[in-house]
C-alpha atoms as a PDB file:
ATOM      1  CA  MET A   1      50.216  72.820  26.974  1.00  0.00           C
ATOM      2  CA  LYS A   2      52.710  73.641  24.224  1.00  0.00           C
ATOM      3  CA  GLU A   3      55.548  72.379  26.426  1.00  0.00           C
ATOM      4  CA  PHE A   4      53.664  69.148  27.089  1.00  0.00           C
ATOM      5  CA  VAL A   5      52.976  68.530  23.386  1.00  0.00           C
ATOM      6  CA  GLY A   6      56.734  68.896  22.815  1.00  0.00           C
ATOM      7  CA  LEU A   7      57.351  66.274  25.480  1.00  0.00           C
ATOM      8  CA  VAL A   8      54.700  63.803  24.279  1.00  0.00           C
ATOM      9  CA  PRO A   9      53.642  64.102  20.628  1.00  0.00           C
ATOM     10  CA  PRO A  10      49.866  63.745  20.221  1.00  0.00           C
ATOM     11  CA  PRO A  11      48.300  61.162  17.926  1.00  0.00           C
ATOM     12  CA  ALA A  12      47.590  62.032  14.289  1.00  0.00           C
ATOM     13  CA  GLU A  13      43.880  61.579  15.069  1.00  0.00           C
ATOM     14  CA  THR A  14      42.188  61.914  18.414  1.00  0.00           C
ATOM     15  CA  LYS A  15      39.883  59.154  19.573  1.00  0.00           C
ATOM     16  CA  ASP A  16      36.462  59.908  21.084  1.00  0.00           C
ATOM     17  CA  VAL A  17      36.571  63.694  20.701  1.00  0.00           C
ATOM     18  CA  PRO A  18      33.790  65.376  18.737  1.00  0.00           C
ATOM     19  CA  ARG A  19      34.687  67.995  16.146  1.00  0.00           C
ATOM     20  CA  ASN A  20      33.276  70.748  18.363  1.00  0.00           C
ATOM     21  CA  PRO A  21      33.346  69.437  21.953  1.00  0.00           C
ATOM     22  CA  ASP A  22      30.452  70.738  24.014  1.00  0.00           C
ATOM     23  CA  TRP A  23      32.204  71.550  27.277  1.00  0.00           C
ATOM     24  CA  ALA A  24      29.150  73.454  28.530  1.00  0.00           C
ATOM     25  CA  ASP A  25      27.148  70.220  28.329  1.00  0.00           C
ATOM     26  CA  VAL A  26      29.898  68.373  30.232  1.00  0.00           C
ATOM     27  CA  ALA A  27      29.885  71.094  32.907  1.00  0.00           C
ATOM     28  CA  LYS A  28      26.112  70.769  33.182  1.00  0.00           C
ATOM     29  CA  ASP A  29      26.353  66.971  33.598  1.00  0.00           C
ATOM     30  CA  LEU A  30      29.117  67.231  36.215  1.00  0.00           C
ATOM     31  CA  GLY A  31      27.851  70.316  37.987  1.00  0.00           C
ATOM     32  CA  THR A  32      31.110  72.211  37.454  1.00  0.00           C
ATOM     33  CA  ASP A  33      33.309  73.651  34.764  1.00  0.00           C
ATOM     34  CA  LEU A  34      36.668  71.965  34.204  1.00  0.00           C
ATOM     35  CA  PRO A  35      40.223  73.324  33.966  1.00  0.00           C
ATOM     36  CA  VAL A  36      41.334  74.713  30.607  1.00  0.00           C
ATOM     37  CA  ASP A  37      44.506  72.562  30.609  1.00  0.00           C
ATOM     38  CA  TYR A  38      42.389  69.411  30.974  1.00  0.00           C
ATOM     39  CA  LYS A  39      40.082  70.462  28.129  1.00  0.00           C
ATOM     40  CA  SER A  40      43.130  71.099  25.915  1.00  0.00           C
ATOM     41  CA  LEU A  41      44.564  67.729  26.916  1.00  0.00           C
ATOM     42  CA  ILE A  42      41.378  65.905  25.875  1.00  0.00           C
ATOM     43  CA  GLU A  43      41.017  67.885  22.635  1.00  0.00           C
ATOM     44  CA  THR A  44      44.690  67.245  21.741  1.00  0.00           C
ATOM     45  CA  TYR A  45      45.063  63.591  22.774  1.00  0.00           C
ATOM     46  CA  GLY A  46      41.564  62.110  23.096  1.00  0.00           C
ATOM     47  CA  THR A  47      41.192  58.682  24.679  1.00  0.00           C
ATOM     48  CA  GLY A  48      44.353  56.681  25.265  1.00  0.00           C
ATOM     49  CA  ALA A  49      47.177  55.991  27.666  1.00  0.00           C
ATOM     50  CA  PHE A  50      50.352  57.785  28.619  1.00  0.00           C
ATOM     51  CA  ALA A  51      53.237  55.295  28.843  1.00  0.00           C
ATOM     52  CA  GLU A  52      50.644  52.499  28.515  1.00  0.00           C
ATOM     53  CA  PHE A  53      49.921  53.187  32.174  1.00  0.00           C
ATOM     54  CA  LEU A  54      47.936  56.353  32.896  1.00  0.00           C
ATOM     55  CA  TRP A  55      44.526  57.021  31.350  1.00  0.00           C
ATOM     56  CA  VAL A  56      43.046  60.530  31.432  1.00  0.00           C
ATOM     57  CA  LEU A  57      39.276  60.223  31.800  1.00  0.00           C
ATOM     58  CA  ASN A  58      37.438  61.562  28.755  1.00  0.00           C
ATOM     59  CA  PRO A  59      33.868  62.876  29.057  1.00  0.00           C
ATOM     60  CA  PHE A  60      33.225  62.093  25.379  1.00  0.00           C
ATOM     61  CA  THR A  61      34.246  58.430  25.233  1.00  0.00           C
ATOM     62  CA  PRO A  62      31.592  55.695  25.104  1.00  0.00           C
ATOM     63  CA  ASN A  63      33.908  53.458  27.192  1.00  0.00           C
ATOM     64  CA  GLU A  64      32.317  53.459  30.659  1.00  0.00           C
ATOM     65  CA  ASN A  65      35.688  52.582  32.233  1.00  0.00           C
ATOM     66  CA  LEU A  66      37.280  55.744  30.848  1.00  0.00           C
ATOM     67  CA  SER A  67      34.342  58.142  30.861  1.00  0.00           C
ATOM     68  CA  LEU A  68      34.930  61.101  33.175  1.00  0.00           C
ATOM     69  CA  ILE A  69      31.276  61.263  34.159  1.00  0.00           C
ATOM     70  CA  SER A  70      30.747  57.501  34.631  1.00  0.00           C
ATOM     71  CA  VAL A  71      33.984  56.911  36.529  1.00  0.00           C
ATOM     72  CA  ALA A  72      33.439  59.989  38.699  1.00  0.00           C
ATOM     73  CA  LYS A  73      29.975  58.776  39.671  1.00  0.00           C
ATOM     74  CA  ARG A  74      31.118  55.211  40.480  1.00  0.00           C
ATOM     75  CA  ARG A  75      34.354  56.173  42.197  1.00  0.00           C
ATOM     76  CA  LEU A  76      32.776  58.877  44.340  1.00  0.00           C
ATOM     77  CA  GLU A  77      29.953  56.529  45.387  1.00  0.00           C
ATOM     78  CA  GLY A  78      32.619  53.997  46.416  1.00  0.00           C
ATOM     79  CA  GLU A  79      34.571  56.640  48.307  1.00  0.00           C
ATOM     80  CA  ARG A  80      31.437  57.750  50.163  1.00  0.00           C
ATOM     81  CA  GLU A  81      30.844  54.146  51.210  1.00  0.00           C
ATOM     82  CA  ASN A  82      34.506  53.692  52.224  1.00  0.00           C
ATOM     83  CA  ARG A  83      34.706  56.808  54.326  1.00  0.00           C
ATOM     84  CA  ARG A  84      32.256  55.270  56.775  1.00  0.00           C
ATOM     85  CA  ALA A  85      35.008  52.807  57.741  1.00  0.00           C
ATOM     86  CA  PHE A  86      38.154  54.681  56.696  1.00  0.00           C
ATOM     87  CA  PRO A  87      38.740  58.394  57.127  1.00  0.00           C
ATOM     88  CA  ILE A  88      39.305  60.354  53.939  1.00  0.00           C
ATOM     89  CA  PRO A  89      41.192  63.613  54.480  1.00  0.00           C
ATOM     90  CA  TYR A  90      39.190  65.491  51.849  1.00  0.00           C
ATOM     91  CA  PRO A  91      35.536  66.093  51.055  1.00  0.00           C
ATOM     92  CA  LEU A  92      34.095  64.372  47.995  1.00  0.00           C
ATOM     93  CA  PHE A  93      32.676  66.206  44.994  1.00  0.00           C
ATOM     94  CA  PRO A  94      30.119  67.818  44.794  1.00  0.00           C
ATOM     95  CA  GLU A  95      30.906  68.816  48.376  1.00  0.00           C
ATOM     96  CA  LYS A  96      32.739  72.147  48.473  1.00  0.00           C
ATOM     97  CA  GLY A  97      36.447  71.562  47.749  1.00  0.00           C
ATOM     98  CA  GLY A  98      35.750  67.882  47.081  1.00  0.00           C
ATOM     99  CA  LEU A  99      37.802  65.296  45.202  1.00  0.00           C
ATOM    100  CA  LEU A 100      36.813  64.723  41.566  1.00  0.00           C
ATOM    101  CA  PRO A 101      38.633  61.988  39.574  1.00  0.00           C
ATOM    102  CA  TRP A 102      40.413  62.922  36.338  1.00  0.00           C
ATOM    103  CA  ALA A 103      42.670  59.905  35.631  1.00  0.00           C
ATOM    104  CA  VAL A 104      43.253  56.247  36.486  1.00  0.00           C
ATOM    105  CA  THR A 105      46.216  53.897  36.115  1.00  0.00           C
ATOM    106  CA  ASP A 106      46.607  50.276  35.150  1.00  0.00           C
ATOM    107  CA  ASN A 107      47.377  49.589  38.813  1.00  0.00           C
ATOM    108  CA  GLY A 108      44.005  50.964  39.914  1.00  0.00           C
ATOM    109  CA  ASP A 109      45.376  54.247  41.277  1.00  0.00           C
ATOM    110  CA  THR A 110      43.120  57.293  40.943  1.00  0.00           C
ATOM    111  CA  LEU A 111      44.142  60.882  40.328  1.00  0.00           C
ATOM    112  CA  PHE A 112      41.686  63.466  41.587  1.00  0.00           C
ATOM    113  CA  TRP A 113      41.348  67.182  41.337  1.00  0.00           C
ATOM    114  CA  LEU A 114      40.961  68.920  44.660  1.00  0.00           C
ATOM    115  CA  THR A 115      38.193  71.284  43.606  1.00  0.00           C
ATOM    116  CA  VAL A 116      39.167  74.243  45.781  1.00  0.00           C
ATOM    117  CA  GLY A 117      38.685  77.626  44.113  1.00  0.00           C
ATOM    118  CA  ASN A 118      38.105  78.054  40.399  1.00  0.00           C
ATOM    119  CA  PRO A 119      39.094  75.159  38.092  1.00  0.00           C
ATOM    120  CA  GLU A 120      42.393  76.811  37.127  1.00  0.00           C
ATOM    121  CA  GLN A 121      43.461  76.569  40.790  1.00  0.00           C
ATOM    122  CA  TRP A 122      42.664  72.879  41.262  1.00  0.00           C
ATOM    123  CA  HIS A 123      45.486  70.655  42.454  1.00  0.00           C
ATOM    124  CA  THR A 124      46.002  66.923  41.999  1.00  0.00           C
ATOM    125  CA  VAL A 125      45.520  64.306  44.703  1.00  0.00           C
ATOM    126  CA  LEU A 126      46.698  60.737  44.113  1.00  0.00           C
ATOM    127  CA  ASN A 127      45.051  57.800  45.866  1.00  0.00           C
ATOM    128  CA  PRO A 128      47.054  54.611  45.295  1.00  0.00           C
ATOM    129  CA  SER A 129      45.087  51.412  44.846  1.00  0.00           C
ATOM    130  CA  ARG A 130      44.669  49.282  47.948  1.00  0.00           C
ATOM    131  CA  SER A 131      45.612  52.226  50.152  1.00  0.00           C
ATOM    132  CA  ASN A 132      43.897  54.857  52.225  1.00  0.00           C
ATOM    133  CA  ASP A 133      46.711  57.320  51.541  1.00  0.00           C
ATOM    134  CA  TYR A 134      46.113  60.520  49.614  1.00  0.00           C
ATOM    135  CA  HIS A 135      49.106  62.403  48.210  1.00  0.00           C
ATOM    136  CA  ARG A 136      48.631  66.040  47.201  1.00  0.00           C
ATOM    137  CA  TYR A 137      50.560  67.690  44.363  1.00  0.00           C
ATOM    138  CA  GLU A 138      50.389  71.445  43.836  1.00  0.00           C
ATOM    139  CA  VAL A 139      49.744  71.090  40.084  1.00  0.00           C
ATOM    140  CA  GLY A 140      46.805  70.462  37.790  1.00  0.00           C
ATOM    141  CA  ALA A 141      46.417  67.667  35.241  1.00  0.00           C
ATOM    142  CA  VAL A 142      48.970  68.794  32.648  1.00  0.00           C
ATOM    143  CA  GLY A 143      51.414  69.911  35.353  1.00  0.00           C
ATOM    144  CA  PHE A 144      51.184  66.489  36.996  1.00  0.00           C
ATOM    145  CA  LEU A 145      51.675  64.631  33.708  1.00  0.00           C
ATOM    146  CA  THR A 146      54.596  66.872  32.741  1.00  0.00           C
ATOM    147  CA  GLY A 147      56.321  66.432  36.103  1.00  0.00           C
ATOM    148  CA  TRP A 148      55.760  62.677  36.079  1.00  0.00           C
ATOM    149  CA  LEU A 149      56.929  62.139  32.502  1.00  0.00           C
ATOM    150  CA  ARG A 150      60.011  64.307  33.097  1.00  0.00           C
ATOM    151  CA  ASP A 151      60.733  62.317  36.262  1.00  0.00           C
ATOM    152  CA  GLU A 152      60.423  65.480  38.372  1.00  0.00           C
ATOM    153  CA  LEU A 153      57.426  64.101  40.276  1.00  0.00           C
ATOM    154  CA  LYS A 154      58.029  60.602  41.555  1.00  0.00           C
ATOM    155  CA  PRO A 155      54.753  59.250  42.897  1.00  0.00           C
ATOM    156  CA  MET A 156      55.539  56.075  44.828  1.00  0.00           C
ATOM    157  CA  PRO A 157      52.762  54.033  43.171  1.00  0.00           C
ATOM    158  CA  PHE A 158      54.277  54.830  39.757  1.00  0.00           C
ATOM    159  CA  LYS A 159      57.701  53.441  40.700  1.00  0.00           C
ATOM    160  CA  GLY A 160      59.051  51.169  37.987  1.00  0.00           C
ATOM    161  CA  VAL A 161      56.823  52.487  35.199  1.00  0.00           C
ATOM    162  CA  PHE A 162      59.810  53.687  33.176  1.00  0.00           C
ATOM    163  CA  GLU A 163      62.108  50.738  33.792  1.00  0.00           C
ATOM    164  CA  PRO A 164      63.881  49.375  30.669  1.00  0.00           C
ATOM    165  CA  ASP A 165      61.208  46.713  30.102  1.00  0.00           C
ATOM    166  CA  ARG A 166      58.390  49.285  30.240  1.00  0.00           C
ATOM    167  CA  PRO A 167      57.080  51.446  27.360  1.00  0.00           C
ATOM    168  CA  ALA A 168      58.547  54.805  26.452  1.00  0.00           C
ATOM    169  CA  LYS A 169      57.158  58.151  27.567  1.00  0.00           C
ATOM    170  CA  ARG A 170      54.560  58.337  24.838  1.00  0.00           C
ATOM    171  CA  PHE A 171      50.833  58.471  24.218  1.00  0.00           C
ATOM    172  CA  ASP A 172      49.007  55.521  22.702  1.00  0.00           C
ATOM    173  CA  ALA A 173      45.503  56.146  21.361  1.00  0.00           C
ATOM    174  CA  ASN A 174      44.844  52.463  20.619  1.00  0.00           C
ATOM    175  CA  PRO A 175      45.331  50.367  23.746  1.00  0.00           C
ATOM    176  CA  SER A 176      42.252  48.876  25.355  1.00  0.00           C
ATOM    177  CA  TYR A 177      41.226  49.527  28.918  1.00  0.00           C
ATOM    178  CA  ASP A 178      38.551  47.224  30.213  1.00  0.00           C
ATOM    179  CA  ASP A 179      39.286  47.385  33.968  1.00  0.00           C
END
């Protein structure tokens, strides 16, 4: 996490993070604990967007479009409905080893954890919007963000995000996301 903070300075004040976040309560609501790197990411950055493009879902935000628990419930219900017509190569949380969303983009892409093993072993799966493709990356949340922002991971749906007319590789705690 220290390396990531050096890459993307956090805001002076975090948005939508209680003074003493109750991660046990979040785990109870979700039915699983979450990775330590994700918890550190939320506690350090709060609600906001990386490069005005990628939003990490926050279990503490009142914004239903960015709430980890609300988005997970809606997205997984939608995926369960979709898999009747379109095959999904992974189970869906809370199924064993199922996909659990942790971030969304302005394009409607969803980043999931593949919940295989303990939370520190979870990898990232990207489902681009308007696509039935699922791309697996052998990193967790902070590893994915670090690789993407360093241009070491080049997810096809993110192509063009860092073009000259796009925002810098930074975190913005004030943009709105109404989806």
